[in-house]
Amino acid sequence: MTLPSWDHCRAALAVLEEGSLSGAARALGLTQPTLGRQIAALEAALGVVLFTRSQAGLVPTEAGSALRPYAEALRATAAALERAATAAEEAVAGTVRITASEMVGAAVLPPILARLHAAHPGLALEVVLSDRVQDLLRRDADIAVRMTEPAQGALLARRVGAVRLGFHAHRSYLARRGTPATPADLARHSLIGFDAETPFIRSMRIPDAAFDRDRFAWRSDSTLAQAAAVRAGFGIGVCQTALAAAEPDLVPVLPEIRWDLPTWIVMHEDLRRLRRYRATFDALTEGLAAHCAAAS
């Protein structure tokens, strides 16, 4: 015997409850011919007649009446299954993979993600630290913190502000070497900067200042390494102003020179319907917006 379909059992239950084909069709939002075919298919699958026609409508046979409690149990099970599936989708749980630059991922995101995880302990967070732009369309990551406006389609992007950068040095270094008063004074100082020149690095060049790769006494493409060199008193380097302000021994140098990096939170638009991604996206948006505001 072919196992009966739940749709067909639901059709029979509707007829049992409504007493007519037309009433059952309205209750289920189906046409009468469609409902009639489902009843016929159920009768064929079970090998019994479930209803007889009369002037009062469809009258259940003995087999039809016997079917009712089982169809009701199936309906309850189907409703429970739907609730379980919805609850699984609605739970803020599972894994979310986030990509961010080294400095943002190591120094800015931890407290934001700690608050998110405290609110949703079932959430596992993978954080990829890279200054390379990850391809969200290929799912290299689920959510990205980017310092450039996304150009790819099918992405949900929200600008949260701008991260401000500026020159800083440790007090011990300035005590030894003095504090530059003009951009030209940088020529007599130990500078910390990048090894590989990129378009962004070229955009940071300052008129009347020798701030380029050939002048750097410490070269590293790792922003974490650069920040560590600044904290160690090696020389003058570029740091996020909001992060430097939290360290009493770091002093702004030439504060009139600054760079603002627009900051975006980005994820694939298909992920927005799942709560774990929405919750993470919203937490990053709120936390990074506050971080950017503190730097302005």
Protein backbone atom coordinates (compact mmCIF):
# COMPACT_ATOMS: atom_id res chain seq x y z
CA MET A 1 0.00 0.00 0.00
CA THR A 2 1.26 3.47 -0.87
CA LEU A 3 1.74 5.62 2.21
CA PRO A 4 -0.81 8.45 2.23
CA SER A 5 0.32 12.02 1.76
CA TRP A 6 -0.19 14.52 4.58
CA ASP A 7 -1.79 16.92 2.08
CA HIS A 8 -4.35 14.26 1.24
CA CYS A 9 -5.00 13.48 4.91
CA ARG A 10 -5.40 17.21 5.59
CA ALA A 11 -7.99 17.38 2.77
CA ALA A 12 -9.97 14.52 4.32
CA LEU A 13 -9.81 16.10 7.77
CA ALA A 14 -11.08 19.40 6.38
CA VAL A 15 -14.05 17.62 4.79
CA LEU A 16 -14.77 15.80 8.06
CA GLU A 17 -14.75 19.11 9.93
CA GLU A 18 -16.57 21.25 7.34
CA GLY A 19 -19.04 18.62 6.15
CA SER A 20 -18.78 19.58 2.47
CA LEU A 21 -16.26 19.76 -0.33
CA SER A 22 -16.92 23.46 -0.89
CA GLY A 23 -16.46 24.32 2.80
CA ALA A 24 -13.26 22.30 3.03
CA ALA A 25 -11.91 23.95 -0.13
CA ARG A 26 -12.53 27.42 1.35
CA ALA A 27 -10.90 26.44 4.64
CA LEU A 28 -7.74 25.22 2.90
CA GLY A 29 -7.67 27.88 0.18
CA LEU A 30 -7.95 25.28 -2.59
CA THR A 31 -10.34 24.76 -5.48
CA GLN A 32 -13.02 22.07 -5.20
CA PRO A 33 -11.58 20.02 -8.10
CA THR A 34 -8.16 20.03 -6.46
CA LEU A 35 -9.60 18.96 -3.14
CA GLY A 36 -11.69 16.26 -4.83
CA ARG A 37 -8.58 14.85 -6.50
CA GLN A 38 -6.77 14.75 -3.16
CA ILE A 39 -9.64 12.85 -1.51
CA ALA A 40 -9.73 10.41 -4.42
CA ALA A 41 -5.96 9.92 -4.19
CA LEU A 42 -6.20 9.20 -0.46
CA GLU A 43 -8.97 6.66 -1.04
CA ALA A 44 -6.89 4.99 -3.73
CA ALA A 45 -3.84 4.88 -1.45
CA LEU A 46 -5.83 3.37 1.43
CA GLY A 47 -8.05 1.15 -0.74
CA VAL A 48 -11.25 2.27 0.99
CA VAL A 49 -14.13 4.69 0.38
CA LEU A 50 -14.04 7.54 2.89
CA PHE A 51 -17.10 9.59 1.92
CA THR A 52 -20.46 9.12 0.26
CA ARG A 53 -22.42 11.94 -1.33
CA SER A 54 -25.84 12.93 0.00
CA GLN A 55 -28.13 15.93 -0.15
CA ALA A 56 -26.54 17.11 3.10
CA GLY A 57 -23.04 16.98 1.55
CA LEU A 58 -20.30 14.44 2.01
CA VAL A 59 -21.04 11.83 4.65
CA PRO A 60 -18.10 9.93 6.10
CA THR A 61 -18.17 6.19 5.87
CA GLU A 62 -17.14 4.05 8.80
CA ALA A 63 -13.58 4.07 7.43
CA GLY A 64 -13.74 7.86 7.04
CA SER A 65 -14.86 8.38 10.63
CA ALA A 66 -12.13 6.03 11.85
CA LEU A 67 -9.57 8.12 9.99
CA ARG A 68 -10.35 11.34 11.89
CA PRO A 69 -8.29 10.92 15.11
CA TYR A 70 -5.23 9.87 13.10
CA ALA A 71 -5.58 12.84 10.74
CA GLU A 72 -5.90 15.14 13.76
CA ALA A 73 -2.73 13.63 15.23
CA LEU A 74 -0.94 14.19 11.92
CA ARG A 75 -2.07 17.84 11.92
CA ALA A 76 -0.75 18.34 15.43
CA THR A 77 2.56 16.73 14.46
CA ALA A 78 2.84 18.90 11.33
CA ALA A 79 2.20 22.03 13.41
CA ALA A 80 4.85 20.94 15.94
CA LEU A 81 7.31 20.29 13.11
CA GLU A 82 6.71 23.79 11.73
CA ARG A 83 7.20 25.35 15.16
CA ALA A 84 10.44 23.43 15.66
CA ALA A 85 11.75 24.51 12.27
CA THR A 86 10.82 28.12 12.94
CA ALA A 87 12.42 28.02 16.37
CA ALA A 88 15.65 26.61 14.90
CA GLU A 89 15.73 29.39 12.32
CA GLU A 90 14.84 32.05 14.88
CA ALA A 91 17.40 30.98 17.48
CA VAL A 92 20.50 33.17 17.62
CA ALA A 93 22.81 30.18 17.53
CA GLY A 94 25.29 28.58 15.17
CA THR A 95 28.45 29.86 13.53
CA VAL A 96 29.04 33.27 11.96
CA ARG A 97 32.32 33.97 10.14
CA ILE A 98 33.48 37.60 10.27
CA THR A 99 36.35 39.17 8.40
CA ALA A 100 38.01 42.43 9.41
CA SER A 101 41.35 44.17 9.17
CA GLU A 102 44.01 43.15 11.65
CA MET A 103 43.64 46.18 13.88
CA VAL A 104 39.85 46.25 13.85
CA GLY A 105 39.63 42.50 14.41
CA ALA A 106 42.17 42.41 17.23
CA ALA A 107 41.50 45.69 19.05
CA VAL A 108 37.97 46.85 18.22
CA LEU A 109 35.81 43.77 17.71
CA PRO A 110 36.58 41.72 20.88
CA PRO A 111 34.45 43.80 23.30
CA ILE A 112 31.65 44.08 20.72
CA LEU A 113 31.63 40.34 20.13
CA ALA A 114 31.95 39.61 23.85
CA ARG A 115 28.70 41.49 24.50
CA LEU A 116 27.03 39.68 21.59
CA HIS A 117 28.13 36.26 22.85
CA ALA A 118 27.03 37.09 26.41
CA ALA A 119 23.55 37.80 25.05
CA HIS A 120 23.55 34.70 22.82
CA PRO A 121 25.81 31.95 24.27
CA GLY A 122 24.86 29.57 21.45
CA LEU A 123 26.59 31.79 18.93
CA ALA A 124 30.07 30.74 17.73
CA LEU A 125 32.12 33.48 16.08
CA GLU A 126 34.97 32.90 13.64
CA VAL A 127 37.08 36.03 13.12
CA VAL A 128 39.37 36.22 10.09
CA LEU A 129 42.02 38.93 10.43
CA SER A 130 43.08 40.11 7.00
CA ASP A 131 43.62 43.42 5.26
CA ARG A 132 42.69 41.64 2.02
CA VAL A 133 39.07 42.09 0.90
CA GLN A 134 37.29 38.76 1.32
CA ASP A 135 34.74 37.70 -1.33
CA LEU A 136 31.37 37.46 0.41
CA LEU A 137 29.69 36.18 -2.73
CA ARG A 138 31.94 33.10 -2.61
CA ARG A 139 31.24 32.87 1.16
CA ASP A 140 34.86 33.41 2.17
CA ALA A 141 33.12 35.03 5.14
CA ASP A 142 29.54 35.76 6.19
CA ILE A 143 29.99 39.35 7.36
CA ALA A 144 32.79 41.79 6.60
CA VAL A 145 34.02 45.01 8.18
CA ARG A 146 35.41 47.01 5.28
CA MET A 147 37.15 50.33 4.90
CA THR A 148 36.02 50.70 1.30
CA GLU A 149 32.51 50.86 -0.11
CA PRO A 150 31.52 47.43 -1.49
CA ALA A 151 31.21 47.30 -5.26
CA GLN A 152 29.69 43.83 -5.57
CA GLY A 153 25.96 43.40 -6.08
CA ALA A 154 23.69 41.24 -3.90
CA LEU A 155 25.30 42.63 -0.74
CA LEU A 156 23.63 44.34 2.19
CA ALA A 157 25.94 47.20 3.23
CA ARG A 158 25.65 49.79 5.97
CA ARG A 159 28.07 52.65 6.53
CA VAL A 160 28.68 53.18 10.25
CA GLY A 161 31.01 56.17 10.15
CA ALA A 162 34.72 56.64 9.67
CA VAL A 163 37.77 55.39 11.56
CA ARG A 164 40.18 58.25 12.14
CA LEU A 165 43.93 57.74 11.85
CA GLY A 166 46.69 60.05 13.06
CA PHE A 167 50.35 60.18 14.04
CA HIS A 168 51.22 58.98 17.55
CA ALA A 169 54.32 58.23 19.55
CA HIS A 170 55.16 56.91 23.00
CA ARG A 171 56.05 59.49 25.66
CA SER A 172 59.46 57.89 26.12
CA TYR A 173 60.30 58.36 22.43
CA LEU A 174 59.24 62.02 22.43
CA ALA A 175 61.24 62.59 25.62
CA ARG A 176 64.36 61.30 23.82
CA ARG A 177 63.85 62.77 20.37
CA GLY A 178 61.55 65.73 20.85
CA THR A 179 58.12 66.43 19.36
CA PRO A 180 57.90 67.49 15.70
CA ALA A 181 56.17 70.85 15.26
CA THR A 182 55.74 70.72 11.48
CA PRO A 183 55.43 67.97 8.86
CA ALA A 184 58.96 68.79 7.70
CA ASP A 185 60.27 67.89 11.17
CA LEU A 186 59.36 64.25 10.52
CA ALA A 187 62.55 63.97 8.46
CA ARG A 188 64.64 63.86 11.64
CA HIS A 189 62.55 61.21 13.35
CA SER A 190 62.29 57.42 13.28
CA LEU A 191 59.13 56.60 11.35
CA ILE A 192 57.03 53.44 11.40
CA GLY A 193 55.17 52.43 8.24
CA PHE A 194 54.28 49.85 5.61
CA ASP A 195 56.65 47.68 3.61
CA ALA A 196 54.53 47.23 0.46
CA GLU A 197 53.17 50.41 -1.09
CA THR A 198 49.51 50.39 -2.02
CA PRO A 199 47.18 53.03 -3.50
CA PHE A 200 45.98 53.81 0.03
CA ILE A 201 49.54 54.24 1.27
CA ARG A 202 50.27 56.59 -1.62
CA SER A 203 47.17 58.59 -0.71
CA MET A 204 48.64 59.15 2.77
CA ARG A 205 51.61 61.15 1.47
CA ILE A 206 51.91 64.57 3.07
CA PRO A 207 53.22 67.71 1.36
CA ASP A 208 56.53 68.90 2.83
CA ALA A 209 56.93 65.66 4.81
CA ALA A 210 59.26 62.75 4.14
CA PHE A 211 56.66 60.11 4.92
CA ASP A 212 57.25 57.26 2.49
CA ARG A 213 58.74 53.78 2.46
CA ASP A 214 62.34 54.91 1.97
CA ARG A 215 62.11 56.97 5.17
CA PHE A 216 60.58 54.30 7.37
CA ALA A 217 62.93 52.96 10.05
CA TRP A 218 60.41 50.20 10.85
CA ARG A 219 58.60 48.57 7.94
CA SER A 220 55.78 46.08 8.32
CA ASP A 221 52.54 45.42 6.48
CA SER A 222 51.00 44.31 9.78
CA THR A 223 49.14 47.13 11.49
CA LEU A 224 49.40 45.16 14.74
CA ALA A 225 53.18 45.12 14.43
CA GLN A 226 53.23 48.84 13.67
CA ALA A 227 51.11 49.60 16.73
CA ALA A 228 53.40 47.42 18.87
CA ALA A 229 56.42 49.37 17.62
CA VAL A 230 54.75 52.66 18.51
CA ARG A 231 53.92 51.40 22.02
CA ALA A 232 57.51 50.18 22.44
CA GLY A 233 58.83 53.70 21.81
CA PHE A 234 60.50 52.83 18.50
CA GLY A 235 59.27 55.95 16.72
CA ILE A 236 56.30 57.81 15.25
CA GLY A 237 53.58 55.84 13.49
CA VAL A 238 49.98 56.01 12.36
CA CYS A 239 47.36 54.67 14.81
CA GLN A 240 43.61 54.79 15.20
CA THR A 241 42.95 57.87 17.34
CA ALA A 242 40.19 56.16 19.36
CA LEU A 243 42.49 53.25 20.28
CA ALA A 244 45.47 55.49 21.01
CA ALA A 245 43.35 57.70 23.27
CA ALA A 246 42.78 54.69 25.53
CA GLU A 247 46.54 54.37 26.17
CA PRO A 248 47.86 57.19 28.42
CA ASP A 249 51.45 56.80 27.22
CA LEU A 250 50.58 57.37 23.55
CA VAL A 251 50.66 61.02 22.51
CA PRO A 252 49.17 62.54 19.34
CA VAL A 253 51.79 64.02 17.04
CA LEU A 254 50.93 66.72 14.46
CA PRO A 255 47.20 66.30 15.26
CA GLU A 256 46.22 68.51 12.35
CA ILE A 257 47.26 65.67 10.03
CA ARG A 258 44.64 62.92 9.98
CA TRP A 259 42.96 60.43 7.69
CA ASP A 260 39.37 59.22 7.87
CA LEU A 261 38.58 55.71 6.65
CA PRO A 262 34.87 55.16 5.84
CA THR A 263 33.74 51.98 7.56
CA TRP A 264 31.10 49.56 6.26
CA ILE A 265 29.42 46.45 7.62
CA VAL A 266 28.60 44.10 4.75
CA MET A 267 26.90 40.72 4.33
CA HIS A 268 25.15 38.80 1.58
CA GLU A 269 21.52 39.85 1.42
CA ASP A 270 20.37 36.20 1.44
CA LEU A 271 21.58 35.89 5.04
CA ARG A 272 19.39 38.61 6.48
CA ARG A 273 16.45 36.24 7.12
CA LEU A 274 18.48 34.16 9.61
CA ARG A 275 18.65 35.66 13.08
CA ARG A 276 22.23 34.73 13.89
CA TYR A 277 23.45 36.81 10.95
CA ARG A 278 21.04 39.67 11.60
CA ALA A 279 21.99 39.78 15.27
CA THR A 280 25.71 39.81 14.46
CA PHE A 281 25.26 42.41 11.71
CA ASP A 282 23.30 44.67 14.07
CA ALA A 283 25.79 44.24 16.92
CA LEU A 284 28.70 45.13 14.64
CA THR A 285 26.81 48.12 13.27
CA GLU A 286 26.04 49.48 16.74
CA GLY A 287 29.48 48.79 18.19
CA LEU A 288 31.50 50.15 15.30
CA ALA A 289 29.28 53.21 14.97
CA ALA A 290 30.10 54.02 18.60
CA HIS A 291 33.81 53.41 17.95
CA CYS A 292 33.79 55.73 14.94
CA ALA A 293 31.89 58.40 16.86
CA ALA A 294 34.48 58.30 19.65
CA ALA A 295 37.23 59.06 17.14
CA SER A 296 35.55 62.04 15.48
